[in-house]
Amino acid sequence: MLQKGQKTSLSQLNQKLDFIEVGLGWDLGPGGRSYDLDVEAFLLGASGKVLGDDWFVFYNQPISPDGAVRLLQDSTTGAGPGDDEIIQVRLSRLDPRVEKLTFIVTINEAQERGYNFSNVANAYVRIVDKSSGRELVRFQLTDYYASVCSMVVGEVYRYKDEWRFNPVGNGTGDGLAGLCTRYGVNV
């Protein structure tokens, strides 16, 4: 289990790594039973911004323009064991301009309804090698703040000739529109 900021090489765990699943899960506390959490993946270039307005994957745009990133599962309750939302990534199919995939969990309509991460518990992100079914890394989030309505959970990024994972775990008060602005999507 990784700690916040403990970067690790996915490529060293499997030198032929190509097809991964990014699984995210959480539980909702008594004050968060009506929350709908969503996962987004922003596909970023060298500038730290998306390659274009359609280079982020979320519930209304479940496939990236290059077809390499797909949102498979969208849970509206977070109930039950296992991953609540899953994004699949074919690393070899990623547009070569993509240097980083940033994975974020947002609470739908959080700012409008006063929702926040203090009502979320047991949140995690994990990377699974689809060729073997083996979990490569797991990061358990530990900080849940009342001022946070979105959480940058982790990043898969290119470093030299390998793919690496950075468990971030940083919260923000930005909703989806604010995150889109931050990462260069015109809304």
N, C-alpha and C. Protein backbone atom coordinates (compact mmCIF):
# COMPACT_ATOMS: atom_id res chain seq x y z
N MET A 1 0.85 -1.18 0.00
CA MET A 1 0.00 0.00 0.00
C MET A 1 0.90 1.24 0.00
N LEU A 2 0.65 2.12 -0.95
CA LEU A 2 1.46 3.33 -1.09
C LEU A 2 1.02 4.41 -0.12
N GLN A 3 1.96 5.28 0.18
CA GLN A 3 1.70 6.47 0.98
C GLN A 3 1.58 7.66 0.03
N LYS A 4 0.93 8.71 0.48
CA LYS A 4 0.78 9.93 -0.30
C LYS A 4 2.15 10.41 -0.79
N GLY A 5 2.27 10.64 -2.11
CA GLY A 5 3.51 11.13 -2.70
C GLY A 5 4.57 10.08 -2.96
N GLN A 6 4.30 8.81 -2.64
CA GLN A 6 5.28 7.73 -2.83
C GLN A 6 5.18 7.21 -4.27
N LYS A 7 5.90 7.86 -5.16
CA LYS A 7 5.85 7.52 -6.58
C LYS A 7 6.47 6.15 -6.81
N THR A 8 5.89 5.41 -7.76
CA THR A 8 6.39 4.08 -8.06
C THR A 8 6.31 3.81 -9.56
N SER A 9 7.23 3.00 -10.04
CA SER A 9 7.25 2.64 -11.45
C SER A 9 6.31 1.47 -11.71
N LEU A 10 5.29 1.69 -12.53
CA LEU A 10 4.40 0.62 -12.94
C LEU A 10 5.12 -0.29 -13.94
N SER A 11 5.95 0.32 -14.78
CA SER A 11 6.67 -0.44 -15.80
C SER A 11 7.65 -1.44 -15.19
N GLN A 12 8.23 -1.12 -14.04
CA GLN A 12 9.14 -2.06 -13.39
C GLN A 12 8.38 -3.23 -12.77
N LEU A 13 7.11 -3.02 -12.46
CA LEU A 13 6.30 -4.10 -11.91
C LEU A 13 5.88 -5.08 -13.02
N ASN A 14 5.80 -4.56 -14.26
CA ASN A 14 5.54 -5.41 -15.44
C ASN A 14 6.10 -4.66 -16.64
N GLN A 15 7.21 -5.15 -17.18
CA GLN A 15 7.88 -4.45 -18.28
C GLN A 15 7.06 -4.42 -19.56
N LYS A 16 6.08 -5.32 -19.69
CA LYS A 16 5.21 -5.33 -20.87
C LYS A 16 3.86 -4.70 -20.57
N LEU A 17 3.78 -3.92 -19.52
CA LEU A 17 2.52 -3.32 -19.09
C LEU A 17 1.91 -2.49 -20.21
N ASP A 18 0.63 -2.76 -20.49
CA ASP A 18 -0.07 -1.99 -21.51
C ASP A 18 -1.51 -1.68 -21.12
N PHE A 19 -2.22 -2.66 -20.59
CA PHE A 19 -3.65 -2.52 -20.34
C PHE A 19 -3.88 -2.49 -18.83
N ILE A 20 -4.29 -1.33 -18.32
CA ILE A 20 -4.51 -1.19 -16.88
C ILE A 20 -5.94 -0.76 -16.59
N GLU A 21 -6.38 -1.10 -15.40
CA GLU A 21 -7.63 -0.57 -14.86
C GLU A 21 -7.29 0.27 -13.65
N VAL A 22 -7.90 1.43 -13.61
CA VAL A 22 -7.79 2.31 -12.45
C VAL A 22 -9.13 2.18 -11.73
N GLY A 23 -9.11 1.49 -10.60
CA GLY A 23 -10.32 1.27 -9.83
C GLY A 23 -10.37 2.22 -8.65
N LEU A 24 -11.52 2.80 -8.43
CA LEU A 24 -11.71 3.72 -7.31
C LEU A 24 -12.90 3.28 -6.50
N GLY A 25 -12.78 3.37 -5.19
CA GLY A 25 -13.88 2.97 -4.33
C GLY A 25 -13.98 3.88 -3.12
N TRP A 26 -15.13 3.86 -2.46
CA TRP A 26 -15.37 4.70 -1.29
C TRP A 26 -16.63 4.22 -0.59
N ASP A 27 -16.81 4.69 0.61
CA ASP A 27 -18.04 4.50 1.37
C ASP A 27 -18.57 5.87 1.73
N LEU A 28 -19.87 5.97 1.91
CA LEU A 28 -20.50 7.23 2.29
C LEU A 28 -21.01 7.13 3.71
N GLY A 29 -20.67 8.15 4.51
CA GLY A 29 -21.13 8.20 5.88
C GLY A 29 -22.59 8.63 5.95
N PRO A 30 -23.16 8.67 7.16
CA PRO A 30 -24.57 9.02 7.32
C PRO A 30 -24.94 10.36 6.69
N GLY A 31 -24.04 11.34 6.73
CA GLY A 31 -24.33 12.65 6.15
C GLY A 31 -24.15 12.70 4.65
N GLY A 32 -23.66 11.62 4.06
CA GLY A 32 -23.38 11.63 2.63
C GLY A 32 -24.17 10.63 1.82
N ARG A 33 -25.22 10.08 2.40
CA ARG A 33 -25.98 9.02 1.73
C ARG A 33 -26.55 9.45 0.37
N SER A 34 -26.81 10.74 0.18
CA SER A 34 -27.39 11.20 -1.09
C SER A 34 -26.32 11.63 -2.09
N TYR A 35 -25.05 11.52 -1.73
CA TYR A 35 -23.97 11.94 -2.61
C TYR A 35 -23.82 11.02 -3.82
N ASP A 36 -23.50 11.64 -4.95
CA ASP A 36 -23.12 10.89 -6.15
C ASP A 36 -21.69 11.31 -6.48
N LEU A 37 -20.74 10.42 -6.22
CA LEU A 37 -19.34 10.70 -6.54
C LEU A 37 -19.05 10.22 -7.95
N ASP A 38 -18.21 10.99 -8.63
CA ASP A 38 -17.85 10.67 -10.01
C ASP A 38 -16.34 10.74 -10.16
N VAL A 39 -15.82 9.93 -11.08
CA VAL A 39 -14.39 9.96 -11.38
C VAL A 39 -14.19 10.59 -12.75
N GLU A 40 -13.11 11.37 -12.86
CA GLU A 40 -12.72 11.98 -14.12
C GLU A 40 -11.24 11.70 -14.36
N ALA A 41 -10.88 11.61 -15.64
CA ALA A 41 -9.47 11.49 -16.02
C ALA A 41 -9.16 12.61 -17.00
N PHE A 42 -8.20 13.44 -16.64
CA PHE A 42 -7.74 14.52 -17.52
C PHE A 42 -6.46 14.04 -18.19
N LEU A 43 -6.42 14.07 -19.53
CA LEU A 43 -5.26 13.63 -20.30
C LEU A 43 -4.44 14.86 -20.64
N LEU A 44 -3.29 14.99 -20.00
CA LEU A 44 -2.51 16.22 -20.04
C LEU A 44 -1.26 16.09 -20.89
N GLY A 45 -0.95 17.18 -21.59
CA GLY A 45 0.27 17.25 -22.38
C GLY A 45 1.40 17.88 -21.57
N ALA A 46 2.47 18.25 -22.25
CA ALA A 46 3.66 18.81 -21.61
C ALA A 46 3.35 20.11 -20.86
N SER A 47 2.32 20.83 -21.29
CA SER A 47 1.95 22.10 -20.65
C SER A 47 1.23 21.91 -19.33
N GLY A 48 0.84 20.67 -19.02
CA GLY A 48 0.03 20.43 -17.82
C GLY A 48 -1.44 20.69 -18.06
N LYS A 49 -1.80 20.91 -19.31
CA LYS A 49 -3.19 21.15 -19.71
C LYS A 49 -3.64 20.04 -20.65
N VAL A 50 -4.97 19.87 -20.80
CA VAL A 50 -5.50 18.87 -21.72
C VAL A 50 -5.08 19.23 -23.15
N LEU A 51 -5.05 18.22 -24.02
CA LEU A 51 -4.68 18.42 -25.41
C LEU A 51 -5.75 19.20 -26.16
N GLY A 52 -6.97 19.16 -25.69
CA GLY A 52 -8.11 19.86 -26.29
C GLY A 52 -9.31 19.65 -25.38
N ASP A 53 -10.40 20.33 -25.69
CA ASP A 53 -11.57 20.30 -24.82
C ASP A 53 -12.17 18.91 -24.61
N ASP A 54 -11.95 17.99 -25.55
CA ASP A 54 -12.52 16.65 -25.40
C ASP A 54 -11.53 15.64 -24.83
N TRP A 55 -10.40 16.11 -24.31
CA TRP A 55 -9.37 15.22 -23.77
C TRP A 55 -9.51 15.03 -22.27
N PHE A 56 -10.75 14.87 -21.83
CA PHE A 56 -10.97 14.39 -20.47
C PHE A 56 -12.16 13.46 -20.49
N VAL A 57 -12.08 12.44 -19.65
CA VAL A 57 -13.07 11.37 -19.64
C VAL A 57 -13.89 11.52 -18.36
N PHE A 58 -15.22 11.51 -18.53
CA PHE A 58 -16.14 11.57 -17.39
C PHE A 58 -17.47 10.99 -17.83
N TYR A 59 -18.47 11.04 -16.96
CA TYR A 59 -19.74 10.35 -17.22
C TYR A 59 -20.43 10.79 -18.51
N ASN A 60 -20.24 12.03 -18.96
CA ASN A 60 -20.86 12.48 -20.21
C ASN A 60 -19.96 12.33 -21.42
N GLN A 61 -18.73 11.89 -21.20
CA GLN A 61 -17.77 11.68 -22.28
C GLN A 61 -16.89 10.50 -21.88
N PRO A 62 -17.41 9.27 -22.00
CA PRO A 62 -16.75 8.10 -21.40
C PRO A 62 -15.55 7.54 -22.16
N ILE A 63 -15.20 8.11 -23.33
CA ILE A 63 -14.06 7.60 -24.10
C ILE A 63 -13.22 8.77 -24.59
N SER A 64 -11.90 8.65 -24.46
CA SER A 64 -10.99 9.69 -24.95
C SER A 64 -10.96 9.68 -26.48
N PRO A 65 -10.57 10.80 -27.12
CA PRO A 65 -10.54 10.86 -28.59
C PRO A 65 -9.67 9.79 -29.24
N ASP A 66 -8.61 9.35 -28.58
CA ASP A 66 -7.75 8.31 -29.15
C ASP A 66 -8.25 6.90 -28.82
N GLY A 67 -9.33 6.80 -28.05
CA GLY A 67 -9.91 5.50 -27.68
C GLY A 67 -9.13 4.75 -26.62
N ALA A 68 -8.08 5.35 -26.08
CA ALA A 68 -7.22 4.65 -25.12
C ALA A 68 -7.77 4.64 -23.70
N VAL A 69 -8.63 5.58 -23.36
CA VAL A 69 -9.13 5.71 -21.99
C VAL A 69 -10.65 5.61 -22.03
N ARG A 70 -11.19 4.70 -21.17
CA ARG A 70 -12.63 4.46 -21.14
C ARG A 70 -13.14 4.39 -19.70
N LEU A 71 -14.21 5.11 -19.44
CA LEU A 71 -14.91 4.98 -18.16
C LEU A 71 -15.88 3.81 -18.30
N LEU A 72 -15.68 2.77 -17.46
CA LEU A 72 -16.50 1.56 -17.56
C LEU A 72 -17.68 1.56 -16.63
N GLN A 73 -17.49 2.07 -15.46
CA GLN A 73 -18.48 1.89 -14.41
C GLN A 73 -18.74 3.24 -13.78
N ASP A 74 -20.00 3.55 -13.53
CA ASP A 74 -20.36 4.81 -12.88
C ASP A 74 -21.38 4.49 -11.79
N SER A 75 -20.92 4.37 -10.56
CA SER A 75 -21.79 4.08 -9.44
C SER A 75 -22.39 5.39 -8.93
N THR A 76 -23.67 5.40 -8.67
CA THR A 76 -24.29 6.61 -8.13
C THR A 76 -24.43 6.56 -6.61
N THR A 77 -24.10 5.41 -5.99
CA THR A 77 -24.28 5.30 -4.54
C THR A 77 -23.02 4.95 -3.78
N GLY A 78 -22.04 4.32 -4.42
CA GLY A 78 -20.84 3.87 -3.72
C GLY A 78 -21.10 2.67 -2.83
N ALA A 79 -22.28 2.10 -2.92
CA ALA A 79 -22.65 0.98 -2.04
C ALA A 79 -21.99 -0.31 -2.52
N GLY A 80 -21.75 -1.19 -1.57
CA GLY A 80 -21.23 -2.51 -1.88
C GLY A 80 -19.71 -2.56 -1.89
N PRO A 81 -19.18 -3.77 -1.90
CA PRO A 81 -17.72 -3.94 -1.88
C PRO A 81 -17.10 -3.73 -3.26
N GLY A 82 -15.81 -3.54 -3.29
CA GLY A 82 -15.09 -3.44 -4.56
C GLY A 82 -15.09 -2.04 -5.15
N ASP A 83 -14.60 -1.97 -6.38
CA ASP A 83 -14.47 -0.69 -7.06
C ASP A 83 -15.85 -0.12 -7.39
N ASP A 84 -16.01 1.16 -7.10
CA ASP A 84 -17.26 1.84 -7.44
C ASP A 84 -17.23 2.39 -8.85
N GLU A 85 -16.05 2.84 -9.29
CA GLU A 85 -15.90 3.34 -10.65
C GLU A 85 -14.57 2.82 -11.20
N ILE A 86 -14.56 2.52 -12.49
CA ILE A 86 -13.37 1.95 -13.13
C ILE A 86 -13.09 2.70 -14.43
N ILE A 87 -11.84 3.04 -14.63
CA ILE A 87 -11.38 3.59 -15.90
C ILE A 87 -10.32 2.65 -16.45
N GLN A 88 -10.50 2.22 -17.69
CA GLN A 88 -9.51 1.37 -18.35
C GLN A 88 -8.61 2.25 -19.23
N VAL A 89 -7.31 1.90 -19.25
CA VAL A 89 -6.34 2.65 -20.04
C VAL A 89 -5.47 1.67 -20.83
N ARG A 90 -5.41 1.88 -22.14
CA ARG A 90 -4.47 1.16 -23.01
C ARG A 90 -3.30 2.10 -23.24
N LEU A 91 -2.22 1.88 -22.51
CA LEU A 91 -1.08 2.80 -22.56
C LEU A 91 -0.50 2.93 -23.97
N SER A 92 -0.45 1.83 -24.72
CA SER A 92 0.13 1.86 -26.07
C SER A 92 -0.73 2.64 -27.06
N ARG A 93 -1.99 2.83 -26.76
CA ARG A 93 -2.90 3.55 -27.66
C ARG A 93 -3.01 5.03 -27.33
N LEU A 94 -2.42 5.44 -26.21
CA LEU A 94 -2.49 6.86 -25.84
C LEU A 94 -1.81 7.72 -26.89
N ASP A 95 -2.43 8.83 -27.20
CA ASP A 95 -1.80 9.80 -28.09
C ASP A 95 -0.41 10.11 -27.52
N PRO A 96 0.65 10.10 -28.34
CA PRO A 96 2.00 10.31 -27.82
C PRO A 96 2.21 11.67 -27.14
N ARG A 97 1.30 12.61 -27.37
CA ARG A 97 1.40 13.92 -26.70
C ARG A 97 0.92 13.86 -25.25
N VAL A 98 0.21 12.80 -24.87
CA VAL A 98 -0.28 12.67 -23.49
C VAL A 98 0.90 12.25 -22.61
N GLU A 99 1.21 13.09 -21.63
CA GLU A 99 2.30 12.79 -20.71
C GLU A 99 1.81 12.37 -19.34
N LYS A 100 0.56 12.72 -19.02
CA LYS A 100 0.05 12.42 -17.68
C LYS A 100 -1.46 12.26 -17.74
N LEU A 101 -1.96 11.30 -16.98
CA LEU A 101 -3.39 11.14 -16.75
C LEU A 101 -3.63 11.45 -15.28
N THR A 102 -4.45 12.45 -15.02
CA THR A 102 -4.77 12.83 -13.66
C THR A 102 -6.17 12.35 -13.34
N PHE A 103 -6.30 11.58 -12.25
CA PHE A 103 -7.58 10.99 -11.86
C PHE A 103 -8.14 11.75 -10.67
N ILE A 104 -9.39 12.18 -10.80
CA ILE A 104 -10.03 13.02 -9.80
C ILE A 104 -11.39 12.45 -9.46
N VAL A 105 -11.75 12.52 -8.19
CA VAL A 105 -13.09 12.16 -7.75
C VAL A 105 -13.79 13.44 -7.32
N THR A 106 -14.96 13.69 -7.89
CA THR A 106 -15.75 14.87 -7.53
C THR A 106 -17.08 14.41 -6.94
N ILE A 107 -17.65 15.26 -6.12
CA ILE A 107 -19.00 15.03 -5.62
C ILE A 107 -19.93 15.85 -6.51
N ASN A 108 -20.84 15.18 -7.19
CA ASN A 108 -21.75 15.85 -8.10
C ASN A 108 -22.58 16.90 -7.35
N GLU A 109 -22.63 18.11 -7.90
CA GLU A 109 -23.39 19.24 -7.35
C GLU A 109 -22.98 19.58 -5.93
N ALA A 110 -21.71 19.35 -5.59
CA ALA A 110 -21.24 19.60 -4.22
C ALA A 110 -21.37 21.06 -3.82
N GLN A 111 -20.94 21.96 -4.68
CA GLN A 111 -20.98 23.38 -4.32
C GLN A 111 -22.41 23.90 -4.19
N GLU A 112 -23.29 23.44 -5.07
CA GLU A 112 -24.68 23.88 -5.02
C GLU A 112 -25.40 23.38 -3.78
N ARG A 113 -25.06 22.18 -3.33
CA ARG A 113 -25.77 21.54 -2.21
C ARG A 113 -25.01 21.56 -0.89
N GLY A 114 -23.80 22.10 -0.88
CA GLY A 114 -23.02 22.13 0.35
C GLY A 114 -22.43 20.78 0.74
N TYR A 115 -22.23 19.88 -0.23
CA TYR A 115 -21.65 18.57 0.03
C TYR A 115 -20.13 18.68 0.13
N ASN A 116 -19.52 17.78 0.91
CA ASN A 116 -18.06 17.79 1.04
C ASN A 116 -17.55 16.41 1.43
N PHE A 117 -16.22 16.27 1.39
CA PHE A 117 -15.59 14.97 1.62
C PHE A 117 -15.57 14.54 3.09
N SER A 118 -16.05 15.35 4.00
CA SER A 118 -16.08 14.90 5.40
C SER A 118 -17.10 13.77 5.59
N ASN A 119 -17.99 13.57 4.61
CA ASN A 119 -18.97 12.49 4.66
C ASN A 119 -18.57 11.29 3.81
N VAL A 120 -17.29 11.25 3.38
CA VAL A 120 -16.76 10.15 2.58
C VAL A 120 -15.71 9.42 3.42
N ALA A 121 -15.66 8.10 3.31
CA ALA A 121 -14.69 7.32 4.08
C ALA A 121 -14.17 6.17 3.22
N ASN A 122 -13.05 5.61 3.64
CA ASN A 122 -12.47 4.41 3.02
C ASN A 122 -12.24 4.55 1.52
N ALA A 123 -11.91 5.75 1.06
CA ALA A 123 -11.68 5.97 -0.37
C ALA A 123 -10.29 5.45 -0.75
N TYR A 124 -10.21 4.89 -1.95
CA TYR A 124 -8.94 4.36 -2.43
C TYR A 124 -8.89 4.45 -3.95
N VAL A 125 -7.68 4.34 -4.47
CA VAL A 125 -7.45 4.16 -5.89
C VAL A 125 -6.46 3.02 -6.02
N ARG A 126 -6.66 2.17 -7.03
CA ARG A 126 -5.75 1.06 -7.25
C ARG A 126 -5.54 0.90 -8.75
N ILE A 127 -4.36 0.38 -9.10
CA ILE A 127 -4.02 0.12 -10.49
C ILE A 127 -3.89 -1.40 -10.64
N VAL A 128 -4.63 -1.95 -11.60
CA VAL A 128 -4.63 -3.38 -11.85
C VAL A 128 -4.09 -3.64 -13.25
N ASP A 129 -3.17 -4.58 -13.36
CA ASP A 129 -2.66 -5.04 -14.65
C ASP A 129 -3.71 -6.00 -15.23
N LYS A 130 -4.39 -5.60 -16.30
CA LYS A 130 -5.46 -6.41 -16.87
C LYS A 130 -4.96 -7.72 -17.46
N SER A 131 -3.71 -7.77 -17.92
CA SER A 131 -3.21 -9.01 -18.53
C SER A 131 -3.09 -10.14 -17.51
N SER A 132 -2.82 -9.80 -16.26
CA SER A 132 -2.66 -10.82 -15.24
C SER A 132 -3.75 -10.76 -14.17
N GLY A 133 -4.47 -9.65 -14.11
CA GLY A 133 -5.47 -9.46 -13.05
C GLY A 133 -4.85 -9.06 -11.73
N ARG A 134 -3.54 -8.81 -11.74
CA ARG A 134 -2.82 -8.51 -10.50
C ARG A 134 -2.90 -7.02 -10.14
N GLU A 135 -3.21 -6.75 -8.89
CA GLU A 135 -3.18 -5.38 -8.40
C GLU A 135 -1.72 -4.97 -8.26
N LEU A 136 -1.36 -3.88 -8.94
CA LEU A 136 0.03 -3.41 -8.90
C LEU A 136 0.27 -2.46 -7.74
N VAL A 137 -0.65 -1.51 -7.55
CA VAL A 137 -0.51 -0.55 -6.45
C VAL A 137 -1.89 -0.20 -5.92
N ARG A 138 -1.90 0.23 -4.67
CA ARG A 138 -3.12 0.70 -4.02
C ARG A 138 -2.76 1.87 -3.12
N PHE A 139 -3.61 2.88 -3.16
CA PHE A 139 -3.42 4.05 -2.32
C PHE A 139 -4.72 4.32 -1.59
N GLN A 140 -4.66 4.27 -0.27
CA GLN A 140 -5.82 4.52 0.58
C GLN A 140 -5.78 5.99 1.00
N LEU A 141 -6.82 6.74 0.69
CA LEU A 141 -6.88 8.14 1.10
C LEU A 141 -7.18 8.22 2.59
N THR A 142 -6.59 9.20 3.24
CA THR A 142 -6.75 9.30 4.68
C THR A 142 -7.31 10.64 5.13
N ASP A 143 -7.30 11.64 4.26
CA ASP A 143 -7.73 12.99 4.66
C ASP A 143 -9.07 13.32 4.02
N TYR A 144 -10.06 13.63 4.85
CA TYR A 144 -11.41 13.94 4.39
C TYR A 144 -11.83 15.24 5.05
N TYR A 145 -11.83 16.33 4.30
CA TYR A 145 -12.06 17.66 4.86
C TYR A 145 -13.41 18.23 4.46
N ALA A 146 -13.97 19.05 5.34
CA ALA A 146 -15.24 19.71 5.06
C ALA A 146 -15.10 20.77 3.98
N SER A 147 -13.89 21.26 3.73
CA SER A 147 -13.68 22.31 2.72
C SER A 147 -13.43 21.73 1.32
N VAL A 148 -13.46 20.41 1.19
CA VAL A 148 -13.09 19.75 -0.06
C VAL A 148 -14.31 19.12 -0.73
N CYS A 149 -14.49 19.41 -2.03
CA CYS A 149 -15.58 18.76 -2.78
C CYS A 149 -15.05 17.97 -3.97
N SER A 150 -13.73 18.02 -4.19
CA SER A 150 -13.07 17.23 -5.23
C SER A 150 -11.73 16.76 -4.70
N MET A 151 -11.31 15.57 -5.15
CA MET A 151 -10.06 15.01 -4.66
C MET A 151 -9.22 14.52 -5.84
N VAL A 152 -8.01 15.08 -5.97
CA VAL A 152 -7.05 14.56 -6.95
C VAL A 152 -6.46 13.32 -6.29
N VAL A 153 -6.82 12.13 -6.78
CA VAL A 153 -6.43 10.90 -6.10
C VAL A 153 -5.09 10.35 -6.58
N GLY A 154 -4.77 10.53 -7.88
CA GLY A 154 -3.51 10.00 -8.36
C GLY A 154 -3.24 10.36 -9.81
N GLU A 155 -2.02 10.08 -10.22
CA GLU A 155 -1.59 10.37 -11.59
C GLU A 155 -0.78 9.21 -12.14
N VAL A 156 -1.05 8.85 -13.38
CA VAL A 156 -0.22 7.92 -14.13
C VAL A 156 0.51 8.80 -15.15
N TYR A 157 1.83 8.71 -15.17
CA TYR A 157 2.59 9.62 -16.02
C TYR A 157 3.81 8.94 -16.63
N ARG A 158 4.27 9.53 -17.76
CA ARG A 158 5.47 9.04 -18.43
C ARG A 158 6.69 9.65 -17.74
N TYR A 159 7.69 8.82 -17.52
CA TYR A 159 8.97 9.29 -17.00
C TYR A 159 10.05 8.50 -17.73
N LYS A 160 10.78 9.20 -18.58
CA LYS A 160 11.76 8.56 -19.47
C LYS A 160 11.03 7.51 -20.29
N ASP A 161 11.40 6.24 -20.18
CA ASP A 161 10.75 5.19 -20.99
C ASP A 161 9.81 4.32 -20.18
N GLU A 162 9.25 4.87 -19.10
CA GLU A 162 8.37 4.05 -18.28
C GLU A 162 7.14 4.82 -17.84
N TRP A 163 6.16 4.06 -17.37
CA TRP A 163 4.95 4.62 -16.78
C TRP A 163 5.06 4.53 -15.27
N ARG A 164 4.71 5.61 -14.60
CA ARG A 164 4.81 5.68 -13.15
C ARG A 164 3.45 6.09 -12.57
N PHE A 165 3.28 5.85 -11.27
CA PHE A 165 2.07 6.26 -10.57
C PHE A 165 2.46 7.13 -9.39
N ASN A 166 1.76 8.25 -9.25
CA ASN A 166 1.94 9.15 -8.11
C ASN A 166 0.63 9.22 -7.33
N PRO A 167 0.60 8.69 -6.10
CA PRO A 167 -0.60 8.81 -5.27
C PRO A 167 -0.66 10.23 -4.68
N VAL A 168 -1.60 11.02 -5.12
CA VAL A 168 -1.63 12.44 -4.76
C VAL A 168 -2.44 12.69 -3.48
N GLY A 169 -3.73 12.41 -3.50
CA GLY A 169 -4.57 12.57 -2.31
C GLY A 169 -4.76 14.00 -1.85
N ASN A 170 -4.80 14.96 -2.79
CA ASN A 170 -5.00 16.37 -2.44
C ASN A 170 -6.42 16.80 -2.77
N GLY A 171 -7.05 17.44 -1.81
CA GLY A 171 -8.41 17.92 -2.01
C GLY A 171 -8.42 19.35 -2.51
N THR A 172 -9.55 19.73 -3.11
CA THR A 172 -9.74 21.08 -3.60
C THR A 172 -11.22 21.45 -3.43
N GLY A 173 -11.46 22.73 -3.37
CA GLY A 173 -12.83 23.22 -3.29
C GLY A 173 -13.47 23.38 -4.66
N ASP A 174 -12.71 23.09 -5.73
CA ASP A 174 -13.22 23.22 -7.09
C ASP A 174 -14.20 22.10 -7.41
N GLY A 175 -15.29 22.46 -8.06
CA GLY A 175 -16.19 21.47 -8.64
C GLY A 175 -15.67 21.09 -10.02
N LEU A 176 -16.46 20.34 -10.77
CA LEU A 176 -16.02 19.88 -12.09
C LEU A 176 -15.71 21.06 -13.01
N ALA A 177 -16.52 22.11 -13.01
CA ALA A 177 -16.26 23.27 -13.88
C ALA A 177 -14.93 23.93 -13.52
N GLY A 178 -14.64 24.06 -12.24
CA GLY A 178 -13.37 24.66 -11.81
C GLY A 178 -12.18 23.81 -12.19
N LEU A 179 -12.33 22.49 -12.09
CA LEU A 179 -11.26 21.58 -12.49
C LEU A 179 -11.02 21.65 -13.99
N CYS A 180 -12.10 21.75 -14.76
CA CYS A 180 -11.96 21.89 -16.21
C CYS A 180 -11.16 23.15 -16.54
N THR A 181 -11.47 24.23 -15.89
CA THR A 181 -10.73 25.48 -16.10
C THR A 181 -9.27 25.30 -15.72
N ARG A 182 -9.01 24.67 -14.59
CA ARG A 182 -7.64 24.45 -14.11
C ARG A 182 -6.81 23.66 -15.12
N TYR A 183 -7.43 22.65 -15.73
CA TYR A 183 -6.70 21.78 -16.66
C TYR A 183 -6.86 22.17 -18.13
N GLY A 184 -7.47 23.34 -18.39
CA GLY A 184 -7.47 23.88 -19.74
C GLY A 184 -8.66 23.51 -20.61
N VAL A 185 -9.73 22.97 -20.02
CA VAL A 185 -10.93 22.66 -20.80
C VAL A 185 -11.82 23.91 -20.80
N ASN A 186 -12.21 24.34 -21.99
CA ASN A 186 -13.14 25.48 -22.09
C ASN A 186 -14.55 25.01 -21.79
N VAL A 187 -15.16 25.63 -20.78
CA VAL A 187 -16.53 25.23 -20.40
C VAL A 187 -17.52 26.33 -20.70
